[in-house]
Amino acid sequence: MSEYQTIARPYAQAVFELSRAAGNFENWSQALAWISAIADDNQIQELAQNPKVDDASLGQIFEDIAGDKLFDEARNFLRLVVANGRVFALSSIAAQFEVMRAEAEGTIEAELISARAVTDEQQATLARSLSRKLGRKVSLQVIEDPGLIGGAVLRAGDMVIDASVKSRLQKLAVNLAR
């Protein structure tokens, strides 16, 4: 996977610069989401790896599936990626673009995985605290996972705070095994 990130970086950077200059981050986000969703489909992956399917045909399949979801620059970008044999990197390109966009807009996506339901008030309090700590506007997504037993796991960028009972029990088991 790390080689995908390395390959994806110049493409993501180029799209980011193009979208920043045109002031249309949202359009590119939507287009890249569509393109990467199509590329992640198992049948499309098989077609992309099939030497009997030429670049023009593969590109046309993408465009047919996406329909009017792509604007001209996004179609051109897609053709370039397909022609360079980089369909496998489209998800990484989209993900890296979103990281660059968030950085430019001063936002960050955070994920809270909780063993129990989290109230709206608790979510707002956590988002405000994270925003102060990180110096960015926080968009918080909450996922309920009873498998954690209790507590929660918070992920925001490179930061991970694991305060779950499941994690504590695993650490205890490792310590007892020594």
N, C-alpha and C. Protein backbone atom coordinates (compact mmCIF):
# COMPACT_ATOMS: atom_id res chain seq x y z
N MET A 1 0.80 -1.20 0.00
CA MET A 1 0.00 0.00 0.00
C MET A 1 0.84 1.27 0.00
N SER A 2 1.98 1.26 0.67
CA SER A 2 2.78 2.48 0.73
C SER A 2 3.28 2.89 -0.64
N GLU A 3 3.49 1.91 -1.53
CA GLU A 3 3.90 2.30 -2.88
C GLU A 3 2.76 3.00 -3.60
N TYR A 4 1.52 2.66 -3.27
CA TYR A 4 0.37 3.35 -3.86
C TYR A 4 0.39 4.81 -3.43
N GLN A 5 0.71 5.05 -2.17
CA GLN A 5 0.74 6.42 -1.67
C GLN A 5 1.82 7.23 -2.37
N THR A 6 2.95 6.62 -2.60
CA THR A 6 4.05 7.30 -3.28
C THR A 6 3.66 7.61 -4.72
N ILE A 7 3.03 6.67 -5.38
CA ILE A 7 2.59 6.88 -6.75
C ILE A 7 1.47 7.92 -6.80
N ALA A 8 0.59 7.90 -5.82
CA ALA A 8 -0.57 8.79 -5.81
C ALA A 8 -0.21 10.24 -5.50
N ARG A 9 0.86 10.46 -4.76
CA ARG A 9 1.19 11.80 -4.28
C ARG A 9 1.27 12.87 -5.38
N PRO A 10 2.02 12.65 -6.47
CA PRO A 10 2.07 13.72 -7.48
C PRO A 10 0.72 13.99 -8.16
N TYR A 11 -0.07 12.95 -8.33
CA TYR A 11 -1.41 13.15 -8.92
C TYR A 11 -2.29 13.96 -7.96
N ALA A 12 -2.28 13.59 -6.68
CA ALA A 12 -3.08 14.30 -5.70
C ALA A 12 -2.62 15.76 -5.59
N GLN A 13 -1.32 15.97 -5.61
CA GLN A 13 -0.78 17.33 -5.51
C GLN A 13 -1.21 18.16 -6.73
N ALA A 14 -1.16 17.56 -7.91
CA ALA A 14 -1.55 18.28 -9.13
C ALA A 14 -3.03 18.65 -9.08
N VAL A 15 -3.88 17.72 -8.67
CA VAL A 15 -5.32 18.00 -8.58
C VAL A 15 -5.57 19.06 -7.52
N PHE A 16 -4.86 18.97 -6.39
CA PHE A 16 -5.03 19.95 -5.33
C PHE A 16 -4.68 21.35 -5.82
N GLU A 17 -3.55 21.49 -6.50
CA GLU A 17 -3.13 22.80 -7.01
C GLU A 17 -4.13 23.33 -8.02
N LEU A 18 -4.60 22.46 -8.89
CA LEU A 18 -5.59 22.85 -9.90
C LEU A 18 -6.89 23.31 -9.24
N SER A 19 -7.35 22.54 -8.25
CA SER A 19 -8.61 22.89 -7.59
C SER A 19 -8.48 24.14 -6.72
N ARG A 20 -7.31 24.32 -6.11
CA ARG A 20 -7.10 25.52 -5.29
C ARG A 20 -7.10 26.76 -6.18
N ALA A 21 -6.43 26.67 -7.33
CA ALA A 21 -6.37 27.81 -8.24
C ALA A 21 -7.76 28.17 -8.77
N ALA A 22 -8.58 27.14 -9.01
CA ALA A 22 -9.93 27.38 -9.54
C ALA A 22 -10.95 27.61 -8.42
N GLY A 23 -10.56 27.34 -7.18
CA GLY A 23 -11.47 27.52 -6.05
C GLY A 23 -12.63 26.53 -6.04
N ASN A 24 -12.37 25.31 -6.48
CA ASN A 24 -13.45 24.31 -6.51
C ASN A 24 -13.06 23.00 -5.85
N PHE A 25 -12.66 23.10 -4.59
CA PHE A 25 -12.32 21.90 -3.82
C PHE A 25 -13.49 20.91 -3.80
N GLU A 26 -14.69 21.42 -3.59
CA GLU A 26 -15.86 20.54 -3.43
C GLU A 26 -16.12 19.73 -4.70
N ASN A 27 -16.03 20.37 -5.86
CA ASN A 27 -16.25 19.65 -7.13
C ASN A 27 -15.24 18.53 -7.30
N TRP A 28 -13.98 18.83 -7.00
CA TRP A 28 -12.95 17.80 -7.14
C TRP A 28 -13.14 16.69 -6.10
N SER A 29 -13.54 17.04 -4.90
CA SER A 29 -13.79 16.01 -3.88
C SER A 29 -14.85 15.04 -4.36
N GLN A 30 -15.94 15.57 -4.89
CA GLN A 30 -17.02 14.72 -5.38
C GLN A 30 -16.57 13.87 -6.55
N ALA A 31 -15.86 14.48 -7.49
CA ALA A 31 -15.40 13.74 -8.67
C ALA A 31 -14.43 12.63 -8.28
N LEU A 32 -13.49 12.94 -7.40
CA LEU A 32 -12.53 11.92 -6.96
C LEU A 32 -13.22 10.81 -6.17
N ALA A 33 -14.23 11.16 -5.40
CA ALA A 33 -14.98 10.14 -4.66
C ALA A 33 -15.66 9.19 -5.63
N TRP A 34 -16.27 9.73 -6.67
CA TRP A 34 -16.92 8.87 -7.67
C TRP A 34 -15.91 7.99 -8.39
N ILE A 35 -14.83 8.62 -8.85
CA ILE A 35 -13.82 7.87 -9.61
C ILE A 35 -13.22 6.77 -8.76
N SER A 36 -12.88 7.07 -7.51
CA SER A 36 -12.25 6.05 -6.66
C SER A 36 -13.24 4.96 -6.29
N ALA A 37 -14.51 5.30 -6.12
CA ALA A 37 -15.53 4.27 -5.83
C ALA A 37 -15.66 3.32 -7.01
N ILE A 38 -15.62 3.86 -8.20
CA ILE A 38 -15.68 3.01 -9.40
C ILE A 38 -14.44 2.13 -9.46
N ALA A 39 -13.28 2.71 -9.21
CA ALA A 39 -12.01 1.96 -9.28
C ALA A 39 -11.93 0.87 -8.24
N ASP A 40 -12.62 1.03 -7.11
CA ASP A 40 -12.59 0.03 -6.04
C ASP A 40 -13.47 -1.18 -6.32
N ASP A 41 -14.33 -1.08 -7.33
CA ASP A 41 -15.20 -2.20 -7.69
C ASP A 41 -14.36 -3.37 -8.22
N ASN A 42 -14.66 -4.57 -7.76
CA ASN A 42 -13.89 -5.76 -8.15
C ASN A 42 -13.88 -5.98 -9.66
N GLN A 43 -15.01 -5.79 -10.32
CA GLN A 43 -15.08 -5.99 -11.76
C GLN A 43 -14.22 -4.98 -12.51
N ILE A 44 -14.21 -3.74 -12.04
CA ILE A 44 -13.38 -2.71 -12.67
C ILE A 44 -11.91 -3.04 -12.46
N GLN A 45 -11.56 -3.52 -11.27
CA GLN A 45 -10.17 -3.90 -11.01
C GLN A 45 -9.72 -5.02 -11.95
N GLU A 46 -10.61 -5.98 -12.17
CA GLU A 46 -10.28 -7.07 -13.11
C GLU A 46 -10.09 -6.53 -14.52
N LEU A 47 -10.98 -5.62 -14.94
CA LEU A 47 -10.85 -5.02 -16.27
C LEU A 47 -9.54 -4.24 -16.39
N ALA A 48 -9.19 -3.49 -15.35
CA ALA A 48 -7.97 -2.67 -15.38
C ALA A 48 -6.72 -3.53 -15.50
N GLN A 49 -6.78 -4.76 -14.97
CA GLN A 49 -5.63 -5.66 -15.03
C GLN A 49 -5.63 -6.55 -16.26
N ASN A 50 -6.72 -6.52 -17.01
CA ASN A 50 -6.84 -7.37 -18.20
C ASN A 50 -6.10 -6.72 -19.37
N PRO A 51 -5.08 -7.39 -19.90
CA PRO A 51 -4.31 -6.80 -21.01
C PRO A 51 -5.12 -6.65 -22.30
N LYS A 52 -6.27 -7.32 -22.39
CA LYS A 52 -7.10 -7.22 -23.60
C LYS A 52 -7.95 -5.95 -23.61
N VAL A 53 -8.05 -5.28 -22.45
CA VAL A 53 -8.85 -4.05 -22.36
C VAL A 53 -7.90 -2.86 -22.52
N ASP A 54 -8.10 -2.09 -23.59
CA ASP A 54 -7.21 -0.94 -23.83
C ASP A 54 -7.62 0.26 -22.97
N ASP A 55 -6.71 1.22 -22.88
CA ASP A 55 -6.93 2.39 -22.03
C ASP A 55 -8.18 3.17 -22.41
N ALA A 56 -8.39 3.34 -23.71
CA ALA A 56 -9.56 4.11 -24.16
C ALA A 56 -10.86 3.43 -23.73
N SER A 57 -10.90 2.11 -23.85
CA SER A 57 -12.11 1.38 -23.44
C SER A 57 -12.33 1.47 -21.94
N LEU A 58 -11.27 1.31 -21.17
CA LEU A 58 -11.37 1.39 -19.71
C LEU A 58 -11.82 2.79 -19.29
N GLY A 59 -11.22 3.80 -19.89
CA GLY A 59 -11.61 5.18 -19.59
C GLY A 59 -13.07 5.43 -19.92
N GLN A 60 -13.52 4.88 -21.05
CA GLN A 60 -14.92 5.07 -21.46
C GLN A 60 -15.87 4.37 -20.48
N ILE A 61 -15.46 3.21 -19.98
CA ILE A 61 -16.27 2.50 -18.99
C ILE A 61 -16.42 3.37 -17.74
N PHE A 62 -15.33 3.95 -17.27
CA PHE A 62 -15.38 4.85 -16.11
C PHE A 62 -16.34 6.00 -16.38
N GLU A 63 -16.19 6.63 -17.54
CA GLU A 63 -17.03 7.78 -17.87
C GLU A 63 -18.50 7.40 -17.98
N ASP A 64 -18.78 6.23 -18.56
CA ASP A 64 -20.16 5.78 -18.69
C ASP A 64 -20.79 5.54 -17.32
N ILE A 65 -20.03 4.95 -16.42
CA ILE A 65 -20.55 4.68 -15.07
C ILE A 65 -20.75 6.00 -14.32
N ALA A 66 -19.78 6.89 -14.40
CA ALA A 66 -19.87 8.16 -13.67
C ALA A 66 -20.93 9.08 -14.25
N GLY A 67 -21.18 8.96 -15.54
CA GLY A 67 -22.20 9.79 -16.18
C GLY A 67 -21.87 11.26 -16.06
N ASP A 68 -22.85 12.06 -15.65
CA ASP A 68 -22.66 13.51 -15.56
C ASP A 68 -22.04 13.95 -14.24
N LYS A 69 -21.53 13.01 -13.45
CA LYS A 69 -20.90 13.34 -12.17
C LYS A 69 -19.51 13.96 -12.37
N LEU A 70 -18.95 13.82 -13.58
CA LEU A 70 -17.62 14.33 -13.85
C LEU A 70 -17.69 15.57 -14.74
N PHE A 71 -16.91 16.57 -14.40
CA PHE A 71 -16.78 17.76 -15.24
C PHE A 71 -15.57 17.55 -16.15
N ASP A 72 -15.35 18.43 -17.11
CA ASP A 72 -14.34 18.23 -18.14
C ASP A 72 -12.94 17.97 -17.58
N GLU A 73 -12.51 18.78 -16.60
CA GLU A 73 -11.16 18.59 -16.05
C GLU A 73 -11.04 17.24 -15.35
N ALA A 74 -12.10 16.80 -14.68
CA ALA A 74 -12.07 15.50 -14.00
C ALA A 74 -11.99 14.37 -15.03
N ARG A 75 -12.70 14.51 -16.15
CA ARG A 75 -12.60 13.51 -17.22
C ARG A 75 -11.18 13.44 -17.77
N ASN A 76 -10.59 14.61 -17.98
CA ASN A 76 -9.21 14.65 -18.48
C ASN A 76 -8.25 14.00 -17.48
N PHE A 77 -8.45 14.28 -16.21
CA PHE A 77 -7.62 13.68 -15.17
C PHE A 77 -7.77 12.16 -15.19
N LEU A 78 -9.01 11.70 -15.28
CA LEU A 78 -9.27 10.27 -15.32
C LEU A 78 -8.58 9.62 -16.51
N ARG A 79 -8.66 10.25 -17.68
CA ARG A 79 -7.99 9.71 -18.87
C ARG A 79 -6.48 9.61 -18.66
N LEU A 80 -5.91 10.62 -18.02
CA LEU A 80 -4.46 10.62 -17.74
C LEU A 80 -4.08 9.46 -16.81
N VAL A 81 -4.85 9.29 -15.75
CA VAL A 81 -4.58 8.21 -14.79
C VAL A 81 -4.70 6.85 -15.46
N VAL A 82 -5.73 6.67 -16.26
CA VAL A 82 -5.93 5.39 -16.96
C VAL A 82 -4.80 5.16 -17.96
N ALA A 83 -4.45 6.19 -18.72
CA ALA A 83 -3.38 6.06 -19.73
C ALA A 83 -2.04 5.71 -19.08
N ASN A 84 -1.83 6.19 -17.86
CA ASN A 84 -0.57 5.91 -17.17
C ASN A 84 -0.63 4.62 -16.35
N GLY A 85 -1.74 3.88 -16.45
CA GLY A 85 -1.86 2.61 -15.74
C GLY A 85 -1.91 2.75 -14.24
N ARG A 86 -2.53 3.81 -13.76
CA ARG A 86 -2.55 4.10 -12.32
C ARG A 86 -3.95 3.98 -11.70
N VAL A 87 -4.83 3.21 -12.33
CA VAL A 87 -6.18 3.04 -11.80
C VAL A 87 -6.13 2.51 -10.37
N PHE A 88 -5.20 1.62 -10.08
CA PHE A 88 -5.07 1.03 -8.74
C PHE A 88 -4.78 2.07 -7.67
N ALA A 89 -4.29 3.24 -8.04
CA ALA A 89 -3.91 4.27 -7.07
C ALA A 89 -5.01 5.32 -6.87
N LEU A 90 -6.14 5.18 -7.52
CA LEU A 90 -7.17 6.22 -7.45
C LEU A 90 -7.68 6.46 -6.03
N SER A 91 -7.86 5.42 -5.24
CA SER A 91 -8.32 5.61 -3.85
C SER A 91 -7.29 6.38 -3.04
N SER A 92 -6.02 6.08 -3.25
CA SER A 92 -4.95 6.81 -2.54
C SER A 92 -4.88 8.26 -3.00
N ILE A 93 -5.10 8.49 -4.29
CA ILE A 93 -5.11 9.86 -4.81
C ILE A 93 -6.23 10.65 -4.14
N ALA A 94 -7.41 10.07 -4.10
CA ALA A 94 -8.56 10.75 -3.48
C ALA A 94 -8.31 11.02 -2.00
N ALA A 95 -7.77 10.04 -1.29
CA ALA A 95 -7.50 10.20 0.14
C ALA A 95 -6.46 11.30 0.39
N GLN A 96 -5.39 11.31 -0.40
CA GLN A 96 -4.36 12.33 -0.21
C GLN A 96 -4.88 13.72 -0.57
N PHE A 97 -5.72 13.79 -1.59
CA PHE A 97 -6.33 15.07 -1.94
C PHE A 97 -7.14 15.61 -0.76
N GLU A 98 -7.92 14.74 -0.12
CA GLU A 98 -8.76 15.17 1.01
C GLU A 98 -7.91 15.65 2.18
N VAL A 99 -6.77 15.03 2.41
CA VAL A 99 -5.87 15.48 3.47
C VAL A 99 -5.33 16.87 3.15
N MET A 100 -4.92 17.07 1.89
CA MET A 100 -4.41 18.39 1.48
C MET A 100 -5.50 19.45 1.56
N ARG A 101 -6.70 19.08 1.16
CA ARG A 101 -7.83 20.01 1.22
C ARG A 101 -8.12 20.41 2.66
N ALA A 102 -8.18 19.43 3.54
CA ALA A 102 -8.46 19.70 4.94
C ALA A 102 -7.41 20.63 5.54
N GLU A 103 -6.16 20.38 5.19
CA GLU A 103 -5.07 21.23 5.67
C GLU A 103 -5.25 22.67 5.19
N ALA A 104 -5.59 22.83 3.92
CA ALA A 104 -5.76 24.16 3.35
C ALA A 104 -6.97 24.88 3.94
N GLU A 105 -8.01 24.14 4.26
CA GLU A 105 -9.23 24.73 4.80
C GLU A 105 -9.21 24.82 6.33
N GLY A 106 -8.17 24.29 6.94
CA GLY A 106 -8.06 24.35 8.40
C GLY A 106 -9.06 23.46 9.10
N THR A 107 -9.37 22.31 8.50
CA THR A 107 -10.30 21.36 9.10
C THR A 107 -9.61 20.02 9.29
N ILE A 108 -10.23 19.17 10.10
CA ILE A 108 -9.73 17.82 10.27
C ILE A 108 -10.91 16.89 10.54
N GLU A 109 -10.84 15.71 9.99
CA GLU A 109 -11.85 14.69 10.23
C GLU A 109 -11.43 13.89 11.45
N ALA A 110 -12.34 13.71 12.38
CA ALA A 110 -12.06 12.91 13.57
C ALA A 110 -13.11 11.80 13.66
N GLU A 111 -12.68 10.67 14.18
CA GLU A 111 -13.57 9.52 14.31
C GLU A 111 -13.56 9.07 15.77
N LEU A 112 -14.74 8.96 16.34
CA LEU A 112 -14.88 8.46 17.70
C LEU A 112 -15.61 7.14 17.63
N ILE A 113 -14.94 6.08 18.06
CA ILE A 113 -15.55 4.76 18.13
C ILE A 113 -15.84 4.51 19.60
N SER A 114 -17.12 4.37 19.92
CA SER A 114 -17.54 4.27 21.31
C SER A 114 -18.31 2.98 21.55
N ALA A 115 -18.15 2.43 22.73
CA ALA A 115 -18.86 1.21 23.09
C ALA A 115 -20.35 1.48 23.27
N ARG A 116 -20.71 2.69 23.60
CA ARG A 116 -22.11 3.06 23.82
C ARG A 116 -22.46 4.31 23.02
N ALA A 117 -23.73 4.59 22.92
CA ALA A 117 -24.19 5.77 22.21
C ALA A 117 -23.62 7.04 22.87
N VAL A 118 -23.31 8.03 22.05
CA VAL A 118 -22.77 9.29 22.52
C VAL A 118 -23.81 10.37 22.21
N THR A 119 -24.18 11.15 23.23
CA THR A 119 -25.21 12.17 23.02
C THR A 119 -24.67 13.30 22.14
N ASP A 120 -25.58 14.07 21.58
CA ASP A 120 -25.21 15.23 20.77
C ASP A 120 -24.39 16.23 21.57
N GLU A 121 -24.76 16.40 22.83
CA GLU A 121 -24.04 17.33 23.70
C GLU A 121 -22.60 16.85 23.93
N GLN A 122 -22.43 15.56 24.17
CA GLN A 122 -21.08 15.00 24.35
C GLN A 122 -20.26 15.15 23.08
N GLN A 123 -20.88 14.93 21.93
CA GLN A 123 -20.19 15.07 20.66
C GLN A 123 -19.73 16.52 20.45
N ALA A 124 -20.61 17.46 20.75
CA ALA A 124 -20.28 18.88 20.58
C ALA A 124 -19.15 19.28 21.51
N THR A 125 -19.19 18.80 22.75
CA THR A 125 -18.14 19.12 23.72
C THR A 125 -16.80 18.56 23.26
N LEU A 126 -16.81 17.31 22.79
CA LEU A 126 -15.58 16.69 22.31
C LEU A 126 -15.04 17.42 21.08
N ALA A 127 -15.91 17.78 20.15
CA ALA A 127 -15.49 18.49 18.95
C ALA A 127 -14.87 19.84 19.30
N ARG A 128 -15.47 20.56 20.26
CA ARG A 128 -14.91 21.86 20.69
C ARG A 128 -13.54 21.67 21.33
N SER A 129 -13.40 20.66 22.18
CA SER A 129 -12.12 20.40 22.85
C SER A 129 -11.04 20.04 21.84
N LEU A 130 -11.39 19.19 20.90
CA LEU A 130 -10.43 18.81 19.87
C LEU A 130 -10.05 20.01 19.00
N SER A 131 -11.02 20.82 18.70
CA SER A 131 -10.77 22.01 17.88
C SER A 131 -9.76 22.93 18.57
N ARG A 132 -9.93 23.13 19.86
CA ARG A 132 -8.97 23.96 20.61
C ARG A 132 -7.59 23.32 20.62
N LYS A 133 -7.54 22.02 20.86
CA LYS A 133 -6.26 21.32 20.96
C LYS A 133 -5.51 21.30 19.62
N LEU A 134 -6.25 21.08 18.54
CA LEU A 134 -5.62 20.92 17.23
C LEU A 134 -5.55 22.22 16.43
N GLY A 135 -6.26 23.23 16.87
CA GLY A 135 -6.24 24.50 16.16
C GLY A 135 -6.93 24.44 14.81
N ARG A 136 -7.91 23.56 14.68
CA ARG A 136 -8.64 23.39 13.43
C ARG A 136 -10.11 23.14 13.72
N LYS A 137 -10.93 23.36 12.72
CA LYS A 137 -12.34 23.00 12.83
C LYS A 137 -12.43 21.48 12.72
N VAL A 138 -13.15 20.85 13.63
CA VAL A 138 -13.23 19.39 13.69
C VAL A 138 -14.58 18.91 13.18
N SER A 139 -14.53 17.96 12.27
CA SER A 139 -15.74 17.27 11.83
C SER A 139 -15.70 15.89 12.47
N LEU A 140 -16.64 15.62 13.38
CA LEU A 140 -16.60 14.40 14.17
C LEU A 140 -17.61 13.39 13.65
N GLN A 141 -17.11 12.19 13.41
CA GLN A 141 -17.97 11.07 13.02
C GLN A 141 -17.96 10.09 14.19
N VAL A 142 -19.14 9.65 14.61
CA VAL A 142 -19.25 8.75 15.75
C VAL A 142 -19.74 7.39 15.28
N ILE A 143 -19.05 6.35 15.73
CA ILE A 143 -19.40 4.97 15.40
C ILE A 143 -19.58 4.22 16.71
N GLU A 144 -20.65 3.48 16.82
CA GLU A 144 -20.89 2.68 18.02
C GLU A 144 -20.39 1.26 17.78
N ASP A 145 -19.53 0.77 18.67
CA ASP A 145 -18.96 -0.58 18.57
C ASP A 145 -18.99 -1.24 19.95
N PRO A 146 -20.03 -2.04 20.22
CA PRO A 146 -20.13 -2.71 21.52
C PRO A 146 -18.95 -3.65 21.80
N GLY A 147 -18.23 -4.04 20.76
CA GLY A 147 -17.07 -4.91 20.92
C GLY A 147 -15.95 -4.29 21.75
N LEU A 148 -15.99 -2.99 21.93
CA LEU A 148 -14.98 -2.32 22.76
C LEU A 148 -15.21 -2.58 24.25
N ILE A 149 -16.35 -3.12 24.58
CA ILE A 149 -16.78 -3.43 25.95
C ILE A 149 -17.15 -2.15 26.71
N GLY A 150 -16.26 -1.19 26.73
CA GLY A 150 -16.48 0.09 27.39
C GLY A 150 -15.45 1.08 26.89
N GLY A 151 -15.65 2.35 27.15
CA GLY A 151 -14.69 3.36 26.73
C GLY A 151 -14.84 3.72 25.27
N ALA A 152 -13.75 4.27 24.69
CA ALA A 152 -13.80 4.75 23.31
C ALA A 152 -12.41 4.82 22.72
N VAL A 153 -12.38 4.94 21.39
CA VAL A 153 -11.14 5.16 20.63
C VAL A 153 -11.37 6.42 19.80
N LEU A 154 -10.44 7.36 19.88
CA LEU A 154 -10.54 8.60 19.13
C LEU A 154 -9.38 8.67 18.14
N ARG A 155 -9.71 8.96 16.87
CA ARG A 155 -8.69 9.13 15.83
C ARG A 155 -8.91 10.47 15.15
N ALA A 156 -7.85 11.26 15.09
CA ALA A 156 -7.89 12.56 14.40
C ALA A 156 -6.53 12.76 13.76
N GLY A 157 -6.47 12.60 12.44
CA GLY A 157 -5.19 12.69 11.76
C GLY A 157 -4.27 11.58 12.23
N ASP A 158 -3.07 11.94 12.68
CA ASP A 158 -2.11 10.96 13.18
C ASP A 158 -2.32 10.63 14.65
N MET A 159 -3.19 11.36 15.31
CA MET A 159 -3.42 11.16 16.74
C MET A 159 -4.44 10.05 16.97
N VAL A 160 -4.09 9.12 17.85
CA VAL A 160 -5.00 8.05 18.25
C VAL A 160 -4.98 7.96 19.77
N ILE A 161 -6.16 8.04 20.37
CA ILE A 161 -6.29 7.88 21.81
C ILE A 161 -7.20 6.67 22.02
N ASP A 162 -6.61 5.61 22.56
CA ASP A 162 -7.37 4.38 22.79
C ASP A 162 -7.65 4.23 24.28
N ALA A 163 -8.86 4.54 24.66
CA ALA A 163 -9.27 4.43 26.07
C ALA A 163 -10.37 3.39 26.19
N SER A 164 -10.25 2.32 25.40
CA SER A 164 -11.28 1.28 25.43
C SER A 164 -10.91 0.21 26.45
N VAL A 165 -11.92 -0.43 27.00
CA VAL A 165 -11.72 -1.52 27.95
C VAL A 165 -11.06 -2.70 27.22
N LYS A 166 -11.47 -2.93 25.99
CA LYS A 166 -10.90 -4.02 25.20
C LYS A 166 -9.38 -3.87 25.09
N SER A 167 -8.91 -2.68 24.80
CA SER A 167 -7.48 -2.41 24.69
C SER A 167 -6.77 -2.62 26.02
N ARG A 168 -7.39 -2.15 27.10
CA ARG A 168 -6.79 -2.30 28.44
C ARG A 168 -6.70 -3.78 28.83
N LEU A 169 -7.71 -4.55 28.48
CA LEU A 169 -7.68 -5.99 28.77
C LEU A 169 -6.59 -6.70 27.97
N GLN A 170 -6.41 -6.28 26.72
CA GLN A 170 -5.36 -6.87 25.89
C GLN A 170 -3.98 -6.55 26.47
N LYS A 171 -3.78 -5.33 26.93
CA LYS A 171 -2.50 -4.95 27.54
C LYS A 171 -2.27 -5.73 28.83
N LEU A 172 -3.33 -5.91 29.61
CA LEU A 172 -3.23 -6.67 30.85
C LEU A 172 -2.85 -8.12 30.56
N ALA A 173 -3.45 -8.70 29.54
CA ALA A 173 -3.16 -10.09 29.16
C ALA A 173 -1.70 -10.23 28.75
N VAL A 174 -1.17 -9.26 28.01
CA VAL A 174 0.23 -9.29 27.60
C VAL A 174 1.14 -9.20 28.81
N ASN A 175 0.82 -8.33 29.75
CA ASN A 175 1.63 -8.17 30.96
C ASN A 175 1.59 -9.43 31.83
N LEU A 176 0.43 -10.06 31.93
CA LEU A 176 0.31 -11.28 32.73
C LEU A 176 1.04 -12.45 32.08
N ALA A 177 1.14 -12.46 30.79
CA ALA A 177 1.81 -13.54 30.07
C ALA A 177 3.32 -13.48 30.22
N ARG A 178 3.86 -12.37 30.63
CA ARG A 178 5.32 -12.22 30.77
C ARG A 178 5.80 -12.91 31.97
